[in-house]
Amino acid sequence: MATKKTVKAVIDDETFLLIDELTGLVKELKGDKASEKYIKDLIKVVVKVGLLMKNEQFNQDEVAISQGFRQKLHTICMTFISFYEVPFSHDSSFLAKGVKDAGDLIHKLTHRHLTEKSQKRINHVFGLFTEEMFEVLFNPDGPQKERLGRMVPLIAKLVDDEKL
């Protein structure tokens, strides 16, 4: 697996910190081994999709799908931030459906380019974000309250910088 030092060399500070918080969240919810596998799969998916985009491997239809994915991701992030800022306003099923829809778009985008194993990695990456996970994350008295408080400003910064 890529070390923190290696990952930090290729991504910006906010993205690195967000991945670090996500690693801690997965570790607390699923354990060390699951956390390592999740982050490994996340990095592989992001790198592969990034390389496909950078090397202009997508046709016109796929470019439109990628734009739809970016819009969906932006909506999910803005909704996530809003749910954090307005206590007791979160809708876990709405967020989980948004993440599932985003995962479906990534599958549609990459089905022609990536192997079945990579498609399984996409399922793993997007499958983490279930209604149950969002309920745990947004529980105002729960153990993830502090972590959520660290994640939201990072997400907001990445949205403002148009990276998410």
C-alpha atoms as a PDB file:
ATOM      1  CA  MET A   1       0.000   0.000   0.000  1.00  0.00           C
ATOM      2  CA  ALA A   2       1.117   3.552  -0.633  1.00  0.00           C
ATOM      3  CA  THR A   3       2.614   5.191   2.397  1.00  0.00           C
ATOM      4  CA  LYS A   4       1.330   8.456   3.802  1.00  0.00           C
ATOM      5  CA  LYS A   5       4.504  10.148   2.601  1.00  0.00           C
ATOM      6  CA  THR A   6       3.970   8.904  -0.970  1.00  0.00           C
ATOM      7  CA  VAL A   7       0.306   9.916  -1.024  1.00  0.00           C
ATOM      8  CA  LYS A   8       1.059  13.340   0.439  1.00  0.00           C
ATOM      9  CA  ALA A   9       3.584  13.967  -2.347  1.00  0.00           C
ATOM     10  CA  VAL A  10       0.908  13.732  -5.053  1.00  0.00           C
ATOM     11  CA  ILE A  11      -2.137  15.386  -3.469  1.00  0.00           C
ATOM     12  CA  ASP A  12      -2.816  18.707  -1.770  1.00  0.00           C
ATOM     13  CA  ASP A  13      -2.900  19.129   2.006  1.00  0.00           C
ATOM     14  CA  GLU A  14      -6.698  19.337   2.374  1.00  0.00           C
ATOM     15  CA  THR A  15      -7.260  16.166   0.347  1.00  0.00           C
ATOM     16  CA  PHE A  16      -4.566  14.379   2.338  1.00  0.00           C
ATOM     17  CA  LEU A  17      -6.122  15.457   5.650  1.00  0.00           C
ATOM     18  CA  LEU A  18      -9.582  14.403   4.457  1.00  0.00           C
ATOM     19  CA  ILE A  19      -8.265  10.973   3.429  1.00  0.00           C
ATOM     20  CA  ASP A  20      -6.533  10.733   6.802  1.00  0.00           C
ATOM     21  CA  GLU A  21      -9.821  11.499   8.608  1.00  0.00           C
ATOM     22  CA  LEU A  22     -11.635   9.008   6.403  1.00  0.00           C
ATOM     23  CA  THR A  23      -8.995   6.411   7.265  1.00  0.00           C
ATOM     24  CA  GLY A  24      -9.582   7.050  10.963  1.00  0.00           C
ATOM     25  CA  LEU A  25     -13.346   6.809  10.515  1.00  0.00           C
ATOM     26  CA  VAL A  26     -13.142   3.491   8.655  1.00  0.00           C
ATOM     27  CA  LYS A  27     -10.642   2.199  11.214  1.00  0.00           C
ATOM     28  CA  GLU A  28     -13.013   2.996  14.084  1.00  0.00           C
ATOM     29  CA  LEU A  29     -16.073   1.582  12.330  1.00  0.00           C
ATOM     30  CA  LYS A  30     -14.584  -1.455  10.563  1.00  0.00           C
ATOM     31  CA  GLY A  31     -11.104  -2.107  12.003  1.00  0.00           C
ATOM     32  CA  ASP A  32      -7.495  -1.653  10.874  1.00  0.00           C
ATOM     33  CA  LYS A  33      -7.439  -4.204   8.067  1.00  0.00           C
ATOM     34  CA  ALA A  34     -10.684  -2.946   6.522  1.00  0.00           C
ATOM     35  CA  SER A  35      -9.395   0.609   6.749  1.00  0.00           C
ATOM     36  CA  GLU A  36      -6.195  -0.244   4.889  1.00  0.00           C
ATOM     37  CA  LYS A  37      -8.120  -2.069   2.152  1.00  0.00           C
ATOM     38  CA  TYR A  38     -10.633   0.765   1.823  1.00  0.00           C
ATOM     39  CA  ILE A  39      -8.000   3.483   1.452  1.00  0.00           C
ATOM     40  CA  LYS A  40      -5.995   1.307  -0.945  1.00  0.00           C
ATOM     41  CA  ASP A  41      -9.099   0.796  -3.104  1.00  0.00           C
ATOM     42  CA  LEU A  42     -10.021   4.494  -2.918  1.00  0.00           C
ATOM     43  CA  ILE A  43      -6.576   5.586  -4.074  1.00  0.00           C
ATOM     44  CA  LYS A  44      -6.521   3.016  -6.894  1.00  0.00           C
ATOM     45  CA  VAL A  45      -9.944   4.118  -8.176  1.00  0.00           C
ATOM     46  CA  VAL A  46      -9.073   7.810  -8.023  1.00  0.00           C
ATOM     47  CA  VAL A  47      -5.733   7.291  -9.767  1.00  0.00           C
ATOM     48  CA  LYS A  48      -7.201   5.102 -12.520  1.00  0.00           C
ATOM     49  CA  VAL A  49     -10.078   7.475 -13.268  1.00  0.00           C
ATOM     50  CA  GLY A  50      -7.672  10.416 -13.107  1.00  0.00           C
ATOM     51  CA  LEU A  51      -5.325   8.772 -15.597  1.00  0.00           C
ATOM     52  CA  LEU A  52      -8.192   7.987 -17.962  1.00  0.00           C
ATOM     53  CA  MET A  53      -9.253  11.641 -17.815  1.00  0.00           C
ATOM     54  CA  LYS A  54      -5.741  13.009 -18.145  1.00  0.00           C
ATOM     55  CA  ASN A  55      -5.037  10.804 -21.157  1.00  0.00           C
ATOM     56  CA  GLU A  56      -8.372  11.778 -22.741  1.00  0.00           C
ATOM     57  CA  GLN A  57      -9.597   8.193 -22.945  1.00  0.00           C
ATOM     58  CA  PHE A  58     -13.267   9.074 -22.517  1.00  0.00           C
ATOM     59  CA  ASN A  59     -15.575   9.502 -25.501  1.00  0.00           C
ATOM     60  CA  GLN A  60     -18.162  12.321 -25.659  1.00  0.00           C
ATOM     61  CA  ASP A  61     -20.825  10.326 -23.828  1.00  0.00           C
ATOM     62  CA  GLU A  62     -18.365   9.429 -21.076  1.00  0.00           C
ATOM     63  CA  VAL A  63     -17.255  13.052 -20.743  1.00  0.00           C
ATOM     64  CA  ALA A  64     -20.914  13.969 -20.167  1.00  0.00           C
ATOM     65  CA  ILE A  65     -21.159  11.209 -17.557  1.00  0.00           C
ATOM     66  CA  SER A  66     -18.023  12.535 -15.837  1.00  0.00           C
ATOM     67  CA  GLN A  67     -19.590  15.999 -15.690  1.00  0.00           C
ATOM     68  CA  GLY A  68     -22.727  14.449 -14.195  1.00  0.00           C
ATOM     69  CA  PHE A  69     -20.555  12.700 -11.623  1.00  0.00           C
ATOM     70  CA  ARG A  70     -18.816  15.953 -10.681  1.00  0.00           C
ATOM     71  CA  GLN A  71     -22.205  17.649 -10.246  1.00  0.00           C
ATOM     72  CA  LYS A  72     -23.475  14.738  -8.142  1.00  0.00           C
ATOM     73  CA  LEU A  73     -20.338  14.790  -5.979  1.00  0.00           C
ATOM     74  CA  HIS A  74     -20.663  18.558  -5.533  1.00  0.00           C
ATOM     75  CA  THR A  75     -24.311  18.163  -4.487  1.00  0.00           C
ATOM     76  CA  ILE A  76     -23.421  15.401  -2.021  1.00  0.00           C
ATOM     77  CA  CYS A  77     -20.659  17.525  -0.490  1.00  0.00           C
ATOM     78  CA  MET A  78     -22.839  20.621  -0.178  1.00  0.00           C
ATOM     79  CA  THR A  79     -25.634  18.547   1.362  1.00  0.00           C
ATOM     80  CA  PHE A  80     -23.177  16.929   3.778  1.00  0.00           C
ATOM     81  CA  ILE A  81     -21.943  20.358   4.871  1.00  0.00           C
ATOM     82  CA  SER A  82     -25.503  21.662   5.259  1.00  0.00           C
ATOM     83  CA  PHE A  83     -26.548  18.655   7.346  1.00  0.00           C
ATOM     84  CA  TYR A  84     -23.570  19.268   9.623  1.00  0.00           C
ATOM     85  CA  GLU A  85     -24.263  22.999   9.988  1.00  0.00           C
ATOM     86  CA  VAL A  86     -27.969  22.552  10.794  1.00  0.00           C
ATOM     87  CA  PRO A  87     -28.279  20.137  13.727  1.00  0.00           C
ATOM     88  CA  PHE A  88     -30.828  17.315  13.442  1.00  0.00           C
ATOM     89  CA  SER A  89     -31.433  18.112   9.758  1.00  0.00           C
ATOM     90  CA  HIS A  90     -29.564  15.190   8.228  1.00  0.00           C
ATOM     91  CA  ASP A  91     -31.269  12.667   6.007  1.00  0.00           C
ATOM     92  CA  SER A  92     -29.093   9.564   5.908  1.00  0.00           C
ATOM     93  CA  SER A  93     -31.128   7.864   3.203  1.00  0.00           C
ATOM     94  CA  PHE A  94     -30.814  10.929   0.942  1.00  0.00           C
ATOM     95  CA  LEU A  95     -27.024  10.980   1.369  1.00  0.00           C
ATOM     96  CA  ALA A  96     -26.702   7.218   0.929  1.00  0.00           C
ATOM     97  CA  LYS A  97     -28.795   7.331  -2.258  1.00  0.00           C
ATOM     98  CA  GLY A  98     -26.673  10.219  -3.567  1.00  0.00           C
ATOM     99  CA  VAL A  99     -23.484   8.257  -2.953  1.00  0.00           C
ATOM    100  CA  LYS A 100     -24.975   5.140  -4.573  1.00  0.00           C
ATOM    101  CA  ASP A 101     -25.997   7.212  -7.606  1.00  0.00           C
ATOM    102  CA  ALA A 102     -22.465   8.651  -7.802  1.00  0.00           C
ATOM    103  CA  GLY A 103     -21.037   5.130  -7.692  1.00  0.00           C
ATOM    104  CA  ASP A 104     -23.403   4.096 -10.488  1.00  0.00           C
ATOM    105  CA  LEU A 105     -22.129   7.018 -12.574  1.00  0.00           C
ATOM    106  CA  ILE A 106     -18.513   5.969 -12.011  1.00  0.00           C
ATOM    107  CA  HIS A 107     -19.401   2.432 -13.109  1.00  0.00           C
ATOM    108  CA  LYS A 108     -21.085   3.806 -16.212  1.00  0.00           C
ATOM    109  CA  LEU A 109     -18.053   6.000 -16.878  1.00  0.00           C
ATOM    110  CA  THR A 110     -15.451   3.270 -16.468  1.00  0.00           C
ATOM    111  CA  HIS A 111     -17.133   0.010 -17.523  1.00  0.00           C
ATOM    112  CA  ARG A 112     -15.413   0.149 -20.923  1.00  0.00           C
ATOM    113  CA  HIS A 113     -11.982   0.905 -19.453  1.00  0.00           C
ATOM    114  CA  LEU A 114     -11.510  -0.917 -16.155  1.00  0.00           C
ATOM    115  CA  THR A 115     -11.372  -4.595 -15.228  1.00  0.00           C
ATOM    116  CA  GLU A 116     -13.971  -6.417 -13.165  1.00  0.00           C
ATOM    117  CA  LYS A 117     -11.573  -6.245 -10.212  1.00  0.00           C
ATOM    118  CA  SER A 118     -11.452  -2.447 -10.499  1.00  0.00           C
ATOM    119  CA  GLN A 119     -15.257  -2.371 -10.730  1.00  0.00           C
ATOM    120  CA  LYS A 120     -15.364  -4.319  -7.445  1.00  0.00           C
ATOM    121  CA  ARG A 121     -13.056  -1.704  -5.928  1.00  0.00           C
ATOM    122  CA  ILE A 122     -15.538   0.985  -6.987  1.00  0.00           C
ATOM    123  CA  ASN A 123     -18.316  -0.974  -5.247  1.00  0.00           C
ATOM    124  CA  HIS A 124     -16.159  -1.179  -2.130  1.00  0.00           C
ATOM    125  CA  VAL A 125     -15.337   2.535  -2.128  1.00  0.00           C
ATOM    126  CA  PHE A 126     -18.914   3.715  -2.598  1.00  0.00           C
ATOM    127  CA  GLY A 127     -20.438   0.891  -0.541  1.00  0.00           C
ATOM    128  CA  LEU A 128     -19.022   2.276   2.696  1.00  0.00           C
ATOM    129  CA  PHE A 129     -21.437   5.181   2.714  1.00  0.00           C
ATOM    130  CA  THR A 130     -24.634   3.527   3.894  1.00  0.00           C
ATOM    131  CA  GLU A 131     -27.554   5.008   5.792  1.00  0.00           C
ATOM    132  CA  GLU A 132     -26.218   3.330   8.937  1.00  0.00           C
ATOM    133  CA  MET A 133     -22.780   4.910   8.514  1.00  0.00           C
ATOM    134  CA  PHE A 134     -24.313   8.365   8.046  1.00  0.00           C
ATOM    135  CA  GLU A 135     -26.470   7.839  11.148  1.00  0.00           C
ATOM    136  CA  VAL A 136     -23.346   7.059  13.175  1.00  0.00           C
ATOM    137  CA  LEU A 137     -21.484   9.992  11.664  1.00  0.00           C
ATOM    138  CA  PHE A 138     -24.239  12.558  12.257  1.00  0.00           C
ATOM    139  CA  ASN A 139     -25.228  11.368  15.745  1.00  0.00           C
ATOM    140  CA  PRO A 140     -24.892  14.627  17.751  1.00  0.00           C
ATOM    141  CA  ASP A 141     -23.857  12.702  20.862  1.00  0.00           C
ATOM    142  CA  GLY A 142     -21.905  10.025  19.015  1.00  0.00           C
ATOM    143  CA  PRO A 143     -18.208   9.240  19.001  1.00  0.00           C
ATOM    144  CA  GLN A 144     -17.716  10.695  15.502  1.00  0.00           C
ATOM    145  CA  LYS A 145     -18.864  14.235  16.338  1.00  0.00           C
ATOM    146  CA  GLU A 146     -15.302  15.515  16.699  1.00  0.00           C
ATOM    147  CA  ARG A 147     -14.136  13.795  13.517  1.00  0.00           C
ATOM    148  CA  LEU A 148     -17.096  15.220  11.607  1.00  0.00           C
ATOM    149  CA  GLY A 149     -16.084  18.672  12.876  1.00  0.00           C
ATOM    150  CA  ARG A 150     -12.647  18.172  11.327  1.00  0.00           C
ATOM    151  CA  MET A 151     -13.950  16.693   8.062  1.00  0.00           C
ATOM    152  CA  VAL A 152     -16.545  19.336   7.173  1.00  0.00           C
ATOM    153  CA  PRO A 153     -14.137  22.310   6.909  1.00  0.00           C
ATOM    154  CA  LEU A 154     -11.849  20.204   4.713  1.00  0.00           C
ATOM    155  CA  ILE A 155     -14.752  19.251   2.452  1.00  0.00           C
ATOM    156  CA  ALA A 156     -15.890  22.887   2.349  1.00  0.00           C
ATOM    157  CA  LYS A 157     -12.403  24.043   1.355  1.00  0.00           C
ATOM    158  CA  LEU A 158     -12.183  21.427  -1.403  1.00  0.00           C
ATOM    159  CA  VAL A 159     -15.633  22.450  -2.675  1.00  0.00           C
ATOM    160  CA  ASP A 160     -14.658  26.146  -2.617  1.00  0.00           C
ATOM    161  CA  ASP A 161     -11.483  25.329  -4.527  1.00  0.00           C
ATOM    162  CA  GLU A 162     -13.590  23.315  -7.022  1.00  0.00           C
ATOM    163  CA  LYS A 163     -11.690  20.121  -6.255  1.00  0.00           C
ATOM    164  CA  LEU A 164     -14.861  18.351  -5.139  1.00  0.00           C
END
